[in-house]
Amino acid sequence: MSIIKYLKRIRYIDFLIRRKATGNIASLAKKLSLSKRSTFLYLSEMKELGFPIQYGNDCDCYYYNENGKIVNSLFVKDGNQQNDHELGKILSKDEYKKTFGGKSPSYFHNIIEPPITLHDYFS
């Protein structure tokens, strides 16, 4: 599947969740023309990406338990991007390390890691 199709589905799921128009998993799957399992995988992946998705038995639908919005673009022009300090507020220490290949920018060392010394390299 192309990434464009994947992102369009996520945006459509986001649209339905915001309007509390998802219904249960079977109803949502039908709206997406997917199987229940595939729909559940989309919801799970969205949760991994940070979407605060919950299911409400009283409304029989999925909803967000926090305020926020989906990012409109994957590419942000210079001057509008988040700096490393802001990323530290969003990502956990382990997520940050995975994102940056196990390394942290020097600006970020004092926030999430102890400073690296020569002793660390030779021990």
C-alpha atoms as a PDB file:
ATOM      1  CA  MET A   1       0.000   0.000   0.000  1.00  0.00           C
ATOM      2  CA  SER A   2       1.247   3.465  -0.778  1.00  0.00           C
ATOM      3  CA  ILE A   3       2.007   5.841   2.052  1.00  0.00           C
ATOM      4  CA  ILE A   4      -0.442   8.340   0.556  1.00  0.00           C
ATOM      5  CA  LYS A   5      -3.309   5.880   0.811  1.00  0.00           C
ATOM      6  CA  TYR A   6      -2.252   4.993   4.347  1.00  0.00           C
ATOM      7  CA  LEU A   7      -2.154   8.665   5.414  1.00  0.00           C
ATOM      8  CA  LYS A   8      -5.518   9.370   3.779  1.00  0.00           C
ATOM      9  CA  ARG A   9      -7.058   6.531   5.785  1.00  0.00           C
ATOM     10  CA  ILE A  10      -5.559   7.875   9.003  1.00  0.00           C
ATOM     11  CA  ARG A  11      -6.943  11.327   8.216  1.00  0.00           C
ATOM     12  CA  TYR A  12     -10.379   9.840   7.501  1.00  0.00           C
ATOM     13  CA  ILE A  13     -10.304   7.851  10.758  1.00  0.00           C
ATOM     14  CA  ASP A  14      -9.303  11.070  12.553  1.00  0.00           C
ATOM     15  CA  PHE A  15     -12.237  12.850  10.881  1.00  0.00           C
ATOM     16  CA  LEU A  16     -14.679  10.162  12.059  1.00  0.00           C
ATOM     17  CA  ILE A  17     -13.259  10.054  15.588  1.00  0.00           C
ATOM     18  CA  ARG A  18     -13.546  13.836  15.992  1.00  0.00           C
ATOM     19  CA  ARG A  19     -17.217  13.663  15.065  1.00  0.00           C
ATOM     20  CA  LYS A  20     -17.777  10.558  17.217  1.00  0.00           C
ATOM     21  CA  ALA A  21     -19.085   8.917  14.062  1.00  0.00           C
ATOM     22  CA  THR A  22     -17.039   5.721  14.108  1.00  0.00           C
ATOM     23  CA  GLY A  23     -19.494   3.371  15.753  1.00  0.00           C
ATOM     24  CA  ASN A  24     -18.040   0.063  16.929  1.00  0.00           C
ATOM     25  CA  ILE A  25     -15.157  -1.736  15.224  1.00  0.00           C
ATOM     26  CA  ALA A  26     -17.459  -3.512  12.745  1.00  0.00           C
ATOM     27  CA  SER A  27     -19.154  -0.252  11.784  1.00  0.00           C
ATOM     28  CA  LEU A  28     -15.837   1.565  11.403  1.00  0.00           C
ATOM     29  CA  ALA A  29     -14.419  -1.285   9.309  1.00  0.00           C
ATOM     30  CA  LYS A  30     -17.424  -1.064   6.994  1.00  0.00           C
ATOM     31  CA  LYS A  31     -16.959   2.710   6.588  1.00  0.00           C
ATOM     32  CA  LEU A  32     -13.288   2.146   5.720  1.00  0.00           C
ATOM     33  CA  SER A  33     -13.982  -0.857   3.450  1.00  0.00           C
ATOM     34  CA  LEU A  34     -11.530  -2.879   5.542  1.00  0.00           C
ATOM     35  CA  SER A  35     -11.680  -5.994   7.659  1.00  0.00           C
ATOM     36  CA  LYS A  36     -12.160  -5.605  11.415  1.00  0.00           C
ATOM     37  CA  ARG A  37      -8.587  -6.820  11.944  1.00  0.00           C
ATOM     38  CA  SER A  38      -7.120  -4.259   9.526  1.00  0.00           C
ATOM     39  CA  THR A  39      -9.190  -1.523  11.148  1.00  0.00           C
ATOM     40  CA  PHE A  40      -7.978  -2.562  14.584  1.00  0.00           C
ATOM     41  CA  LEU A  41      -4.374  -2.447  13.299  1.00  0.00           C
ATOM     42  CA  TYR A  42      -4.898   1.122  12.043  1.00  0.00           C
ATOM     43  CA  LEU A  43      -6.245   2.144  15.453  1.00  0.00           C
ATOM     44  CA  SER A  44      -3.328   0.414  17.203  1.00  0.00           C
ATOM     45  CA  GLU A  45      -0.775   2.134  14.969  1.00  0.00           C
ATOM     46  CA  MET A  46      -2.454   5.489  15.525  1.00  0.00           C
ATOM     47  CA  LYS A  47      -2.209   4.912  19.279  1.00  0.00           C
ATOM     48  CA  GLU A  48       1.507   4.125  18.864  1.00  0.00           C
ATOM     49  CA  LEU A  49       1.880   7.422  16.994  1.00  0.00           C
ATOM     50  CA  GLY A  50       0.401   9.236  19.985  1.00  0.00           C
ATOM     51  CA  PHE A  51      -3.264   9.547  19.109  1.00  0.00           C
ATOM     52  CA  PRO A  52      -5.179   9.414  22.440  1.00  0.00           C
ATOM     53  CA  ILE A  53      -7.871   7.063  21.139  1.00  0.00           C
ATOM     54  CA  GLN A  54     -10.362   5.522  23.547  1.00  0.00           C
ATOM     55  CA  TYR A  55     -13.538   3.503  23.069  1.00  0.00           C
ATOM     56  CA  GLY A  56     -16.689   4.616  24.846  1.00  0.00           C
ATOM     57  CA  ASN A  57     -19.306   1.988  25.636  1.00  0.00           C
ATOM     58  CA  ASP A  58     -21.855   4.699  26.391  1.00  0.00           C
ATOM     59  CA  CYS A  59     -21.539   6.313  22.936  1.00  0.00           C
ATOM     60  CA  ASP A  60     -20.536   3.051  21.193  1.00  0.00           C
ATOM     61  CA  CYS A  61     -17.766   4.899  19.352  1.00  0.00           C
ATOM     62  CA  TYR A  62     -14.079   5.823  19.414  1.00  0.00           C
ATOM     63  CA  TYR A  63     -13.077   9.244  20.694  1.00  0.00           C
ATOM     64  CA  TYR A  64     -10.006  11.252  21.736  1.00  0.00           C
ATOM     65  CA  ASN A  65      -9.521  11.622  25.482  1.00  0.00           C
ATOM     66  CA  GLU A  66      -7.252  14.680  25.002  1.00  0.00           C
ATOM     67  CA  ASN A  67      -7.427  17.806  22.875  1.00  0.00           C
ATOM     68  CA  GLY A  68      -5.097  18.070  19.922  1.00  0.00           C
ATOM     69  CA  LYS A  69      -5.000  17.826  16.174  1.00  0.00           C
ATOM     70  CA  ILE A  70      -3.439  15.784  13.406  1.00  0.00           C
ATOM     71  CA  VAL A  71      -0.412  17.300  11.673  1.00  0.00           C
ATOM     72  CA  ASN A  72      -1.329  18.559   8.221  1.00  0.00           C
ATOM     73  CA  SER A  73       2.025  17.925   6.606  1.00  0.00           C
ATOM     74  CA  LEU A  74       4.974  15.617   7.075  1.00  0.00           C
ATOM     75  CA  PHE A  75       7.342  18.262   5.729  1.00  0.00           C
ATOM     76  CA  VAL A  76       7.766  21.449   7.722  1.00  0.00           C
ATOM     77  CA  LYS A  77       9.732  24.317   6.202  1.00  0.00           C
ATOM     78  CA  ASP A  78      12.751  25.703   8.054  1.00  0.00           C
ATOM     79  CA  GLY A  79      11.802  28.093  10.800  1.00  0.00           C
ATOM     80  CA  ASN A  80       8.632  26.172  11.631  1.00  0.00           C
ATOM     81  CA  GLN A  81      10.170  22.971  12.890  1.00  0.00           C
ATOM     82  CA  GLN A  82      10.358  21.874  16.502  1.00  0.00           C
ATOM     83  CA  ASN A  83      13.723  22.151  18.159  1.00  0.00           C
ATOM     84  CA  ASP A  84      15.358  19.341  20.109  1.00  0.00           C
ATOM     85  CA  HIS A  85      14.107  20.692  23.430  1.00  0.00           C
ATOM     86  CA  GLU A  86      10.492  20.601  22.197  1.00  0.00           C
ATOM     87  CA  LEU A  87      11.006  17.034  20.940  1.00  0.00           C
ATOM     88  CA  GLY A  88      12.132  16.110  24.438  1.00  0.00           C
ATOM     89  CA  LYS A  89       8.719  17.111  25.734  1.00  0.00           C
ATOM     90  CA  ILE A  90       7.000  14.892  23.148  1.00  0.00           C
ATOM     91  CA  LEU A  91       9.243  11.824  22.940  1.00  0.00           C
ATOM     92  CA  SER A  92      10.320   9.592  25.784  1.00  0.00           C
ATOM     93  CA  LYS A  93      14.066   9.021  26.241  1.00  0.00           C
ATOM     94  CA  ASP A  94      13.866   5.623  24.493  1.00  0.00           C
ATOM     95  CA  GLU A  95      11.730   6.968  21.619  1.00  0.00           C
ATOM     96  CA  TYR A  96      14.158   9.847  21.134  1.00  0.00           C
ATOM     97  CA  LYS A  97      17.126   7.466  20.998  1.00  0.00           C
ATOM     98  CA  LYS A  98      15.348   5.243  18.440  1.00  0.00           C
ATOM     99  CA  THR A  99      14.497   8.275  16.326  1.00  0.00           C
ATOM    100  CA  PHE A 100      18.058   9.565  16.319  1.00  0.00           C
ATOM    101  CA  GLY A 101      19.818   6.207  15.924  1.00  0.00           C
ATOM    102  CA  GLY A 102      20.780   5.827  19.571  1.00  0.00           C
ATOM    103  CA  LYS A 103      22.463   9.231  19.687  1.00  0.00           C
ATOM    104  CA  SER A 104      21.271  12.507  21.075  1.00  0.00           C
ATOM    105  CA  PRO A 105      22.194  15.937  19.724  1.00  0.00           C
ATOM    106  CA  SER A 106      24.659  17.756  21.970  1.00  0.00           C
ATOM    107  CA  TYR A 107      22.033  20.360  22.841  1.00  0.00           C
ATOM    108  CA  PHE A 108      19.830  17.611  24.240  1.00  0.00           C
ATOM    109  CA  HIS A 109      22.412  15.665  26.289  1.00  0.00           C
ATOM    110  CA  ASN A 110      21.855  17.486  29.556  1.00  0.00           C
ATOM    111  CA  ILE A 111      18.107  16.978  29.366  1.00  0.00           C
ATOM    112  CA  ILE A 112      17.825  13.237  28.687  1.00  0.00           C
ATOM    113  CA  GLU A 113      21.310  11.815  29.245  1.00  0.00           C
ATOM    114  CA  PRO A 114      24.241  12.509  31.502  1.00  0.00           C
ATOM    115  CA  PRO A 115      27.086  14.292  29.707  1.00  0.00           C
ATOM    116  CA  ILE A 116      29.428  11.936  27.838  1.00  0.00           C
ATOM    117  CA  THR A 117      33.029  11.985  29.041  1.00  0.00           C
ATOM    118  CA  LEU A 118      36.244  10.506  27.630  1.00  0.00           C
ATOM    119  CA  HIS A 119      36.038   7.898  30.393  1.00  0.00           C
ATOM    120  CA  ASP A 120      32.845   6.563  28.738  1.00  0.00           C
ATOM    121  CA  TYR A 121      34.731   5.850  25.519  1.00  0.00           C
ATOM    122  CA  PHE A 122      37.684   4.087  27.146  1.00  0.00           C
ATOM    123  CA  SER A 123      35.958   2.017  29.823  1.00  0.00           C
END
